[in-house]
């Protein structure tokens, strides 16, 4: 069974179910703290976006969305696994990466307020060429991506929020322009962006885990005379 055949069997998810799953997955990326849940949510979001894109572009092209999303999730998983806590390091797990800037309850409240703003403003967003369901998905991804960038500063959640934002932009662009070269270039750029974010994750985690170095004693002339 090829991936294209698998997509045809998952055609029951195309439409409103795919939009709802993608919306829930993008919200999980912003709210959840555990990196395992966050990466699983991003992988699910990539699959749902690929299913939606298969309505407007050939299935083989839409598969790139899921494949690149899976590769990025694997890179992030490997980077996070490298930052596991070891007792010999002397650093508590709570002090290791990732560090969250905001509380979970605050992030949940922010997502809820974003959902309220989405339902209030969705009818005012007009994209004549784009289907209404696609319009709602694009608008939600843009809102939740900007919210994630505003709430997070560490590379994992901020990077995934940026990728969610780019997912909404790609959904809009691919709905308007169906060119194989453009899709390949954008997906290749997204893969390179994921690689850069994975590097920042590892660098940030190693910097956090590095034990503090005590300053060396300084000597002055008065100490020497004493």
Protein backbone atom coordinates (compact mmCIF):
# COMPACT_ATOMS: atom_id res chain seq x y z
CA UNK A 1 0.00 0.00 0.00
CA UNK A 2 1.40 3.38 -1.03
CA UNK A 3 1.02 6.62 0.87
CA UNK A 4 -1.37 7.86 -1.81
CA UNK A 5 -3.62 4.83 -1.23
CA UNK A 6 -3.51 5.50 2.52
CA UNK A 7 -4.61 9.07 1.91
CA UNK A 8 -7.53 7.86 -0.18
CA UNK A 9 -8.60 5.55 2.67
CA UNK A 10 -8.42 8.50 5.09
CA UNK A 11 -10.70 10.56 2.87
CA UNK A 12 -13.40 10.35 5.57
CA UNK A 13 -11.30 12.83 7.57
CA UNK A 14 -11.13 15.36 4.74
CA UNK A 15 -13.27 18.37 5.52
CA UNK A 16 -14.64 19.38 8.91
CA UNK A 17 -13.06 16.50 10.91
CA UNK A 18 -9.61 17.38 9.59
CA UNK A 19 -10.14 21.04 10.43
CA UNK A 20 -11.27 20.24 13.99
CA UNK A 21 -8.33 17.89 14.60
CA UNK A 22 -5.88 20.42 13.18
CA UNK A 23 -7.36 23.20 15.34
CA UNK A 24 -7.09 21.06 18.48
CA UNK A 25 -3.51 20.02 17.63
CA UNK A 26 -2.39 23.62 17.08
CA UNK A 27 -3.95 24.67 20.39
CA UNK A 28 -2.14 21.79 22.13
CA UNK A 29 1.18 23.09 20.80
CA UNK A 30 0.59 26.40 22.56
CA UNK A 31 -0.88 25.08 25.83
CA UNK A 32 0.91 21.80 26.59
CA UNK A 33 4.26 21.74 28.36
CA UNK A 34 5.38 18.14 27.81
CA UNK A 35 7.46 18.06 24.64
CA UNK A 36 6.16 14.58 23.77
CA UNK A 37 2.56 15.82 23.58
CA UNK A 38 3.67 18.89 21.65
CA UNK A 39 5.56 16.89 19.02
CA UNK A 40 2.70 14.42 18.64
CA UNK A 41 0.31 17.35 18.16
CA UNK A 42 2.55 18.84 15.47
CA UNK A 43 2.78 15.52 13.63
CA UNK A 44 -1.03 15.22 13.73
CA UNK A 45 -1.35 18.81 12.49
CA UNK A 46 0.96 18.07 9.54
CA UNK A 47 -1.11 15.03 8.53
CA UNK A 48 -4.38 16.97 8.74
CA UNK A 49 -2.97 19.84 6.68
CA UNK A 50 -1.80 17.32 4.09
CA UNK A 51 -5.31 15.86 3.93
CA UNK A 52 -6.77 19.33 3.43
CA UNK A 53 -4.21 20.22 0.78
CA UNK A 54 -5.05 17.06 -1.15
CA UNK A 55 -8.34 18.77 -2.06
CA UNK A 56 -6.63 21.59 -3.95
CA UNK A 57 -3.33 20.09 -5.15
CA UNK A 58 -2.37 16.57 -6.34
CA UNK A 59 -2.10 14.01 -3.56
CA UNK A 60 1.59 13.36 -4.28
CA UNK A 61 2.34 17.03 -3.70
CA UNK A 62 0.23 17.19 -0.56
CA UNK A 63 2.17 14.25 0.86
CA UNK A 64 5.20 16.54 1.14
CA UNK A 65 3.42 18.42 3.92
CA UNK A 66 3.08 15.27 6.01
CA UNK A 67 6.56 13.95 5.17
CA UNK A 68 8.33 17.21 6.02
CA UNK A 69 6.26 17.58 9.17
CA UNK A 70 7.21 14.05 10.24
CA UNK A 71 10.90 14.72 9.59
CA UNK A 72 10.76 17.92 11.64
CA UNK A 73 9.05 16.08 14.50
CA UNK A 74 11.78 13.42 14.41
CA UNK A 75 14.53 16.07 14.47
CA UNK A 76 12.90 17.80 17.43
CA UNK A 77 12.49 14.46 19.21
CA UNK A 78 16.17 13.62 18.78
CA UNK A 79 17.20 17.08 19.96
CA UNK A 80 14.99 16.79 23.04
CA UNK A 81 16.27 13.30 23.83
CA UNK A 82 19.81 14.63 23.93
CA UNK A 83 18.80 16.89 26.82
CA UNK A 84 17.67 14.17 29.20
CA UNK A 85 18.63 14.72 32.84
CA UNK A 86 21.52 12.76 34.28
CA UNK A 87 22.00 12.62 38.10
CA UNK A 88 25.73 13.24 37.70
CA UNK A 89 25.07 16.64 36.14
CA UNK A 90 23.86 18.07 39.44
CA UNK A 91 21.06 19.99 37.70
CA UNK A 92 17.45 19.35 38.67
CA UNK A 93 14.97 18.35 35.97
CA UNK A 94 12.84 21.41 36.83
CA UNK A 95 15.80 23.63 35.95
CA UNK A 96 16.39 21.99 32.59
CA UNK A 97 14.99 22.95 29.21
CA UNK A 98 12.29 23.71 28.30
CA UNK A 99 11.45 26.63 30.56
CA UNK A 100 7.97 28.07 30.12
CA UNK A 101 7.50 31.82 30.27
CA UNK A 102 3.81 31.69 31.19
CA UNK A 103 1.67 29.49 33.41
CA UNK A 104 -0.45 26.70 31.95
CA UNK A 105 -3.69 28.28 33.17
CA UNK A 106 -2.72 31.58 31.56
CA UNK A 107 -1.92 29.87 28.25
CA UNK A 108 -5.24 28.02 28.35
CA UNK A 109 -7.08 31.28 29.02
CA UNK A 110 -5.21 32.97 26.17
CA UNK A 111 -6.22 30.19 23.75
CA UNK A 112 -9.83 30.45 24.93
CA UNK A 113 -9.84 34.22 24.32
CA UNK A 114 -8.29 33.62 20.91
CA UNK A 115 -11.09 31.18 20.12
CA UNK A 116 -13.66 33.82 21.11
CA UNK A 117 -11.95 36.37 18.86
CA UNK A 118 -11.91 33.79 16.06
CA UNK A 119 -15.67 33.19 16.20
CA UNK A 120 -16.37 36.93 16.40
CA UNK A 121 -14.12 37.92 13.50
CA UNK A 122 -14.33 34.89 11.20
CA UNK A 123 -17.24 36.25 9.17
CA UNK A 124 -15.40 39.52 8.59
CA UNK A 125 -12.47 37.73 6.92
CA UNK A 126 -13.17 37.46 3.20
CA UNK A 127 -11.14 35.31 0.82
CA UNK A 128 -13.34 35.04 -2.29
CA UNK A 129 -11.23 32.41 -4.06
CA UNK A 130 -10.75 30.19 -0.98
CA UNK A 131 -13.37 27.80 0.40
CA UNK A 132 -15.04 28.84 3.66
CA UNK A 133 -13.64 25.83 5.53
CA UNK A 134 -10.13 26.62 4.30
CA UNK A 135 -10.61 30.27 5.24
CA UNK A 136 -11.49 29.32 8.81
CA UNK A 137 -8.50 26.97 9.05
CA UNK A 138 -6.11 29.60 7.71
CA UNK A 139 -7.43 32.27 10.04
CA UNK A 140 -7.19 29.99 13.08
CA UNK A 141 -3.64 28.89 12.29
CA UNK A 142 -2.52 32.48 11.86
CA UNK A 143 -4.10 33.50 15.16
CA UNK A 144 -2.78 30.55 17.18
CA UNK A 145 0.68 30.84 15.60
CA UNK A 146 0.97 34.50 16.55
CA UNK A 147 -0.29 33.70 20.05
CA UNK A 148 2.33 30.98 20.48
CA UNK A 149 5.10 33.35 19.38
CA UNK A 150 3.87 35.91 21.90
CA UNK A 151 3.68 33.44 24.81
CA UNK A 152 6.88 31.43 24.36
CA UNK A 153 10.54 32.30 24.16
CA UNK A 154 12.24 28.89 24.29
CA UNK A 155 13.02 27.30 20.90
CA UNK A 156 10.67 24.28 20.98
CA UNK A 157 7.30 25.97 21.47
CA UNK A 158 8.27 29.22 19.74
CA UNK A 159 9.66 27.29 16.78
CA UNK A 160 6.57 25.12 16.48
CA UNK A 161 4.36 28.20 16.75
CA UNK A 162 6.29 29.70 13.84
CA UNK A 163 5.78 26.49 11.87
CA UNK A 164 2.04 26.61 12.64
CA UNK A 165 1.97 30.17 11.33
CA UNK A 166 3.80 29.07 8.18
CA UNK A 167 1.34 26.19 7.81
CA UNK A 168 -1.52 28.65 7.59
CA UNK A 169 0.38 30.73 5.02
CA UNK A 170 1.14 27.62 2.95
CA UNK A 171 -2.51 26.56 3.06
CA UNK A 172 -3.51 29.95 1.67
CA UNK A 173 -0.74 30.06 -0.95
CA UNK A 174 -1.27 26.51 -2.21
CA UNK A 175 -5.01 27.17 -2.47
CA UNK A 176 -4.28 30.05 -4.84
CA UNK A 177 -1.20 28.78 -6.71
CA UNK A 178 -0.67 25.15 -7.74
CA UNK A 179 2.92 24.92 -8.94
CA UNK A 180 5.15 21.96 -8.20
CA UNK A 181 8.36 24.01 -8.08
CA UNK A 182 6.90 26.47 -5.58
CA UNK A 183 5.65 23.68 -3.33
CA UNK A 184 9.03 21.94 -3.41
CA UNK A 185 10.90 25.15 -2.57
CA UNK A 186 8.62 26.05 0.32
CA UNK A 187 8.69 22.56 1.81
CA UNK A 188 12.48 22.47 1.48
CA UNK A 189 12.70 25.82 3.24
CA UNK A 190 10.43 24.55 6.01
CA UNK A 191 12.70 21.54 6.49
CA UNK A 192 15.76 23.81 6.78
CA UNK A 193 13.89 25.99 9.26
CA UNK A 194 13.08 22.92 11.34
CA UNK A 195 16.76 21.95 11.30
CA UNK A 196 17.74 25.41 12.54
CA UNK A 197 15.15 25.25 15.33
CA UNK A 198 16.41 21.80 16.38
CA UNK A 199 19.93 23.22 16.61
CA UNK A 200 18.69 26.10 18.77
CA UNK A 201 16.88 23.60 21.00
CA UNK A 202 20.07 21.63 21.59
CA UNK A 203 22.18 24.76 22.09
CA UNK A 204 19.67 26.25 24.56
CA UNK A 205 19.41 23.00 26.50
CA UNK A 206 23.16 22.51 26.75
CA UNK A 207 23.62 26.10 27.88
CA UNK A 208 20.98 25.61 30.60
CA UNK A 209 22.54 22.35 31.76
CA UNK A 210 26.06 23.77 31.98
CA UNK A 211 27.04 24.21 35.65
CA UNK A 212 27.85 27.67 36.77
CA UNK A 213 31.58 28.43 36.95
CA UNK A 214 32.71 30.10 40.14
CA UNK A 215 34.78 33.23 39.53
CA UNK A 216 38.47 32.90 40.23
CA UNK A 217 39.79 34.87 43.20
CA UNK A 218 41.35 38.22 42.45
CA UNK A 219 44.39 39.64 44.14
CA UNK A 220 45.24 43.21 44.75
CA UNK A 221 48.23 45.04 46.15
CA UNK A 222 46.77 45.32 49.69
CA UNK A 223 46.45 41.52 49.95
CA UNK A 224 50.07 41.05 48.89
CA UNK A 225 51.34 43.54 51.47
CA UNK A 226 49.29 41.80 54.20
